[in-house]
Structures are given as C-alpha cells and as structure tokens.
Amino acid sequence: MSERTALCATRGRAGRLTILLMVLITAGCGFQPRGQGGTTGQLEGSYGATGIASNSTLYRALRRAVTFAGGTWSEEQDTASSLIHIQRLTRDSRVLSVDSRNRAVEYELEETVEFVFRPARSAQEAKPQTIRVLRALFRPPDAVLASDRERVLISREMQEDLADRIVRRIARQQ
C-alpha cells in the first residue's frame, strides 16, 4: 500500500469517526429538529376551542397540537368533552433599538393569550391562565418588504408556540 493510499484511508476513518462523534453528541444533548419534539404531553378525550374564529392561526395550531398530543379535536362545542376557552388574545410591539437617524430597526413582538380550560366532568370553577411569548424582529429600512413577510412568519410561529404551551399546560393538569 502506498503512502498516499494509507493517508487517504486514515482521513476517511477520521472523517467517519468525526461524523459519528457529532451524531452521538447531538443525540446526547437532547436536540430534536423543530416540530419533532414529543414533549407536548399526552391528552385523552376530545377537545374543542371557543372564543376564537375557526379560521384563525391559533385555532388551527391548537387543533394540530391537541391531535399531536393524542387527543381528538371536535369542531362542535357540544361534542367536545373538554373546552379551551380563549378569553383574550393580544398582540403588542415595542421598539428595541433605533439607527443613527433615530428610526426604529428592531422591535420586540409579544403575543399573550388568556384562556380557561374546562376539563371533562369537572364541577370546579376554572381559573384563567395566561401565556406570553416574546420574539425580536429586526427591520432594516432597506428591506421593508422582506421584513413584513418575516413579521407574518414570526407571528405564525408565536401562535404555534402559544398553542403548544397551552396543550402542555393542559396535559399537566390532567
């Protein structure tokens, strides 16, 4: 075996070993691709939502999160054994930083949901619960169109995060 062939074989083994180490380290730290986490909780029974429109982003995100957690989604309030009543959904934004011309370039976006969970066959008066999600949005003045699209995407992600947090909290209460 020539010296060149031996060097190539050693590099190949080192590369494979490096990849194997990276995979093991990544798996060991608990990393999971977005949307693949199984930590939502386990739900049983049928769930429905009131207080929001059925075509809203939060409603659709709740339906996906409940289904992902093992529950069934009921479009009819009367057939759902447990109800999630959205009392208030608010959006707010604040300026985080300005540029040299005193124009806002970075914002803090906030979405807050106040909800009441009424579990199946519970005579207890449920207390309102609040969940808040914050994100930062950078809006350079030269990329207005792109930053408007980014704001829409961030808002959708925030509502999906709210829905996941609602379902996790519900799963802990059961």
Protein backbone atom coordinates (compact mmCIF):
# COMPACT_ATOMS: atom_id res chain seq x y z
CA MET A 1 0.00 0.00 0.00
CA SER A 2 1.42 3.34 -0.95
CA GLU A 3 1.83 6.21 1.47
CA ARG A 4 -0.85 8.21 -0.37
CA THR A 5 -3.41 5.40 -0.13
CA ALA A 6 -2.71 4.94 3.57
CA LEU A 7 -3.14 8.69 4.15
CA CYS A 8 -6.49 8.69 2.30
CA ALA A 9 -7.71 5.67 4.28
CA THR A 10 -6.72 7.35 7.55
CA ARG A 11 -8.54 10.56 6.58
CA GLY A 12 -11.62 8.55 5.65
CA ARG A 13 -11.66 6.79 9.00
CA ALA A 14 -11.09 10.07 10.84
CA GLY A 15 -13.95 11.68 8.91
CA ARG A 16 -16.32 8.83 9.71
CA LEU A 17 -15.27 8.92 13.35
CA THR A 18 -15.85 12.68 13.47
CA ILE A 19 -19.34 12.31 11.98
CA LEU A 20 -20.16 9.50 14.42
CA LEU A 21 -19.00 11.63 17.35
CA MET A 22 -21.09 14.60 16.16
CA VAL A 23 -24.19 12.41 15.88
CA LEU A 24 -23.67 10.95 19.35
CA ILE A 25 -23.05 14.37 20.91
CA THR A 26 -26.12 15.85 19.21
CA ALA A 27 -28.33 12.95 20.28
CA GLY A 28 -26.93 13.04 23.81
CA CYS A 29 -27.78 16.71 24.35
CA GLY A 30 -31.46 16.12 23.53
CA PHE A 31 -31.51 18.03 20.24
CA GLN A 32 -34.54 17.45 18.05
CA PRO A 33 -35.48 19.22 14.82
CA ARG A 34 -38.24 21.81 15.17
CA GLY A 35 -41.68 20.23 15.21
CA GLN A 36 -40.32 16.80 16.06
CA GLY A 37 -40.40 17.11 19.84
CA GLY A 38 -42.50 14.63 21.73
CA THR A 39 -42.70 16.72 24.90
CA THR A 40 -46.16 18.13 24.26
CA GLY A 41 -47.76 15.76 26.75
CA GLN A 42 -50.42 13.11 26.45
CA LEU A 43 -54.07 14.00 26.11
CA GLU A 44 -57.10 11.78 26.18
CA GLY A 45 -60.62 12.57 25.11
CA SER A 46 -61.98 15.19 22.77
CA TYR A 47 -61.15 18.87 22.87
CA GLY A 48 -62.58 22.00 21.36
CA ALA A 49 -61.94 25.72 21.48
CA THR A 50 -64.24 28.68 21.95
CA GLY A 51 -63.63 32.40 21.88
CA ILE A 52 -61.66 32.43 18.62
CA ALA A 53 -62.58 32.05 14.97
CA SER A 54 -62.18 28.58 13.49
CA ASN A 55 -60.10 30.01 10.62
CA SER A 56 -57.58 31.77 12.90
CA THR A 57 -53.97 30.71 13.13
CA LEU A 58 -54.24 29.97 16.85
CA TYR A 59 -57.31 27.74 16.36
CA ARG A 60 -55.54 25.70 13.66
CA ALA A 61 -52.39 25.50 15.78
CA LEU A 62 -54.43 24.28 18.78
CA ARG A 63 -56.10 21.63 16.64
CA ARG A 64 -52.69 20.38 15.43
CA ALA A 65 -51.16 20.44 18.93
CA VAL A 66 -54.08 18.55 20.51
CA THR A 67 -54.01 15.93 17.75
CA PHE A 68 -50.22 15.59 18.04
CA ALA A 69 -50.58 15.05 21.80
CA GLY A 70 -53.00 12.16 21.28
CA GLY A 71 -56.32 13.93 21.82
CA THR A 72 -59.12 14.23 19.30
CA TRP A 73 -60.34 17.57 18.05
CA SER A 74 -64.01 18.37 17.92
CA GLU A 75 -65.26 21.20 15.74
CA GLU A 76 -68.56 21.15 17.65
CA GLN A 77 -68.51 22.58 21.17
CA ASP A 78 -71.32 20.28 22.27
CA THR A 79 -69.46 17.09 21.38
CA ALA A 80 -66.12 18.08 22.99
CA SER A 81 -65.57 16.62 26.43
CA SER A 82 -63.10 19.39 27.37
CA LEU A 83 -63.09 23.01 26.24
CA ILE A 84 -60.36 25.58 25.85
CA HIS A 85 -62.00 28.99 26.07
CA ILE A 86 -59.81 31.83 24.77
CA GLN A 87 -60.77 34.90 26.76
CA ARG A 88 -58.24 37.29 25.29
CA LEU A 89 -55.57 37.22 22.61
CA THR A 90 -53.40 40.34 22.40
CA ARG A 91 -50.51 41.43 20.23
CA ASP A 92 -48.09 44.18 21.06
CA SER A 93 -44.80 45.51 19.75
CA ARG A 94 -42.20 47.78 21.28
CA VAL A 95 -39.16 49.45 19.79
CA LEU A 96 -35.95 47.81 20.99
CA SER A 97 -33.37 49.82 19.07
CA VAL A 98 -33.04 52.71 16.64
CA ASP A 99 -30.47 53.52 13.98
CA SER A 100 -28.31 56.65 13.64
CA ARG A 101 -31.24 58.52 12.04
CA ASN A 102 -33.48 57.68 15.00
CA ARG A 103 -35.59 55.22 13.02
CA ALA A 104 -36.75 52.02 14.65
CA VAL A 105 -34.87 49.00 13.33
CA GLU A 106 -35.54 46.35 15.97
CA TYR A 107 -38.83 45.50 17.63
CA GLU A 108 -39.94 43.20 20.39
CA LEU A 109 -43.11 41.34 19.44
CA GLU A 110 -45.38 40.00 22.16
CA GLU A 111 -48.38 37.72 21.90
CA THR A 112 -50.39 36.94 25.01
CA VAL A 113 -53.28 34.55 25.41
CA GLU A 114 -55.57 34.31 28.39
CA PHE A 115 -57.58 31.10 28.45
CA VAL A 116 -59.74 28.97 30.70
CA PHE A 117 -59.56 25.19 30.47
CA ARG A 118 -62.72 23.33 31.38
CA PRO A 119 -61.88 19.65 31.70
CA ALA A 120 -64.37 16.87 31.15
CA ARG A 121 -66.73 16.17 34.03
CA SER A 122 -65.27 18.85 36.29
CA ALA A 123 -67.55 20.83 38.57
CA GLN A 124 -64.71 23.10 39.65
CA GLU A 125 -64.65 26.71 38.52
CA ALA A 126 -61.61 27.01 36.28
CA LYS A 127 -59.22 29.91 36.78
CA PRO A 128 -57.96 31.97 33.85
CA GLN A 129 -54.37 31.23 32.81
CA THR A 130 -52.04 33.49 30.88
CA ILE A 131 -49.25 32.56 28.50
CA ARG A 132 -46.94 35.10 26.89
CA VAL A 133 -44.48 34.68 24.01
CA LEU A 134 -41.81 37.23 23.04
CA ARG A 135 -39.72 37.47 19.87
CA ALA A 136 -37.37 40.06 18.40
CA LEU A 137 -37.81 41.36 14.86
CA PHE A 138 -35.02 43.17 13.04
CA ARG A 139 -36.37 45.55 10.38
CA PRO A 140 -33.68 47.28 8.39
CA PRO A 141 -35.03 50.28 6.45
CA ASP A 142 -33.74 48.93 3.12
CA ALA A 143 -35.61 45.59 3.38
CA VAL A 144 -39.16 46.65 4.21
CA LEU A 145 -40.91 44.08 2.02
CA ALA A 146 -38.87 41.16 3.35
CA SER A 147 -39.31 42.27 6.95
CA ASP A 148 -43.11 42.44 6.50
CA ARG A 149 -43.08 38.81 5.37
CA GLU A 150 -40.81 37.92 8.27
CA ARG A 151 -43.22 39.56 10.70
CA VAL A 152 -46.07 37.40 9.38
CA LEU A 153 -43.94 34.25 9.72
CA ILE A 154 -42.82 35.18 13.24
CA SER A 155 -46.42 35.87 14.25
CA ARG A 156 -47.48 32.44 12.95
CA GLU A 157 -44.63 30.77 14.85
CA MET A 158 -45.58 32.66 18.01
CA GLN A 159 -49.17 31.43 17.79
CA GLU A 160 -47.99 27.86 17.23
CA ASP A 161 -45.77 28.24 20.30
CA LEU A 162 -48.76 29.55 22.28
CA ALA A 163 -50.82 26.53 21.21
CA ASP A 164 -48.04 24.10 22.19
CA ARG A 165 -47.70 25.75 25.58
CA ILE A 166 -51.47 25.64 26.15
CA VAL A 167 -51.55 21.91 25.37
CA ARG A 168 -48.54 21.20 27.61
CA ARG A 169 -50.21 23.06 30.47
CA ILE A 170 -53.48 21.19 29.92
CA ALA A 171 -51.62 17.86 29.87
CA ARG A 172 -50.01 18.68 33.22
CA GLN A 173 -53.41 19.49 34.77
CA GLN A 174 -54.91 16.15 33.88
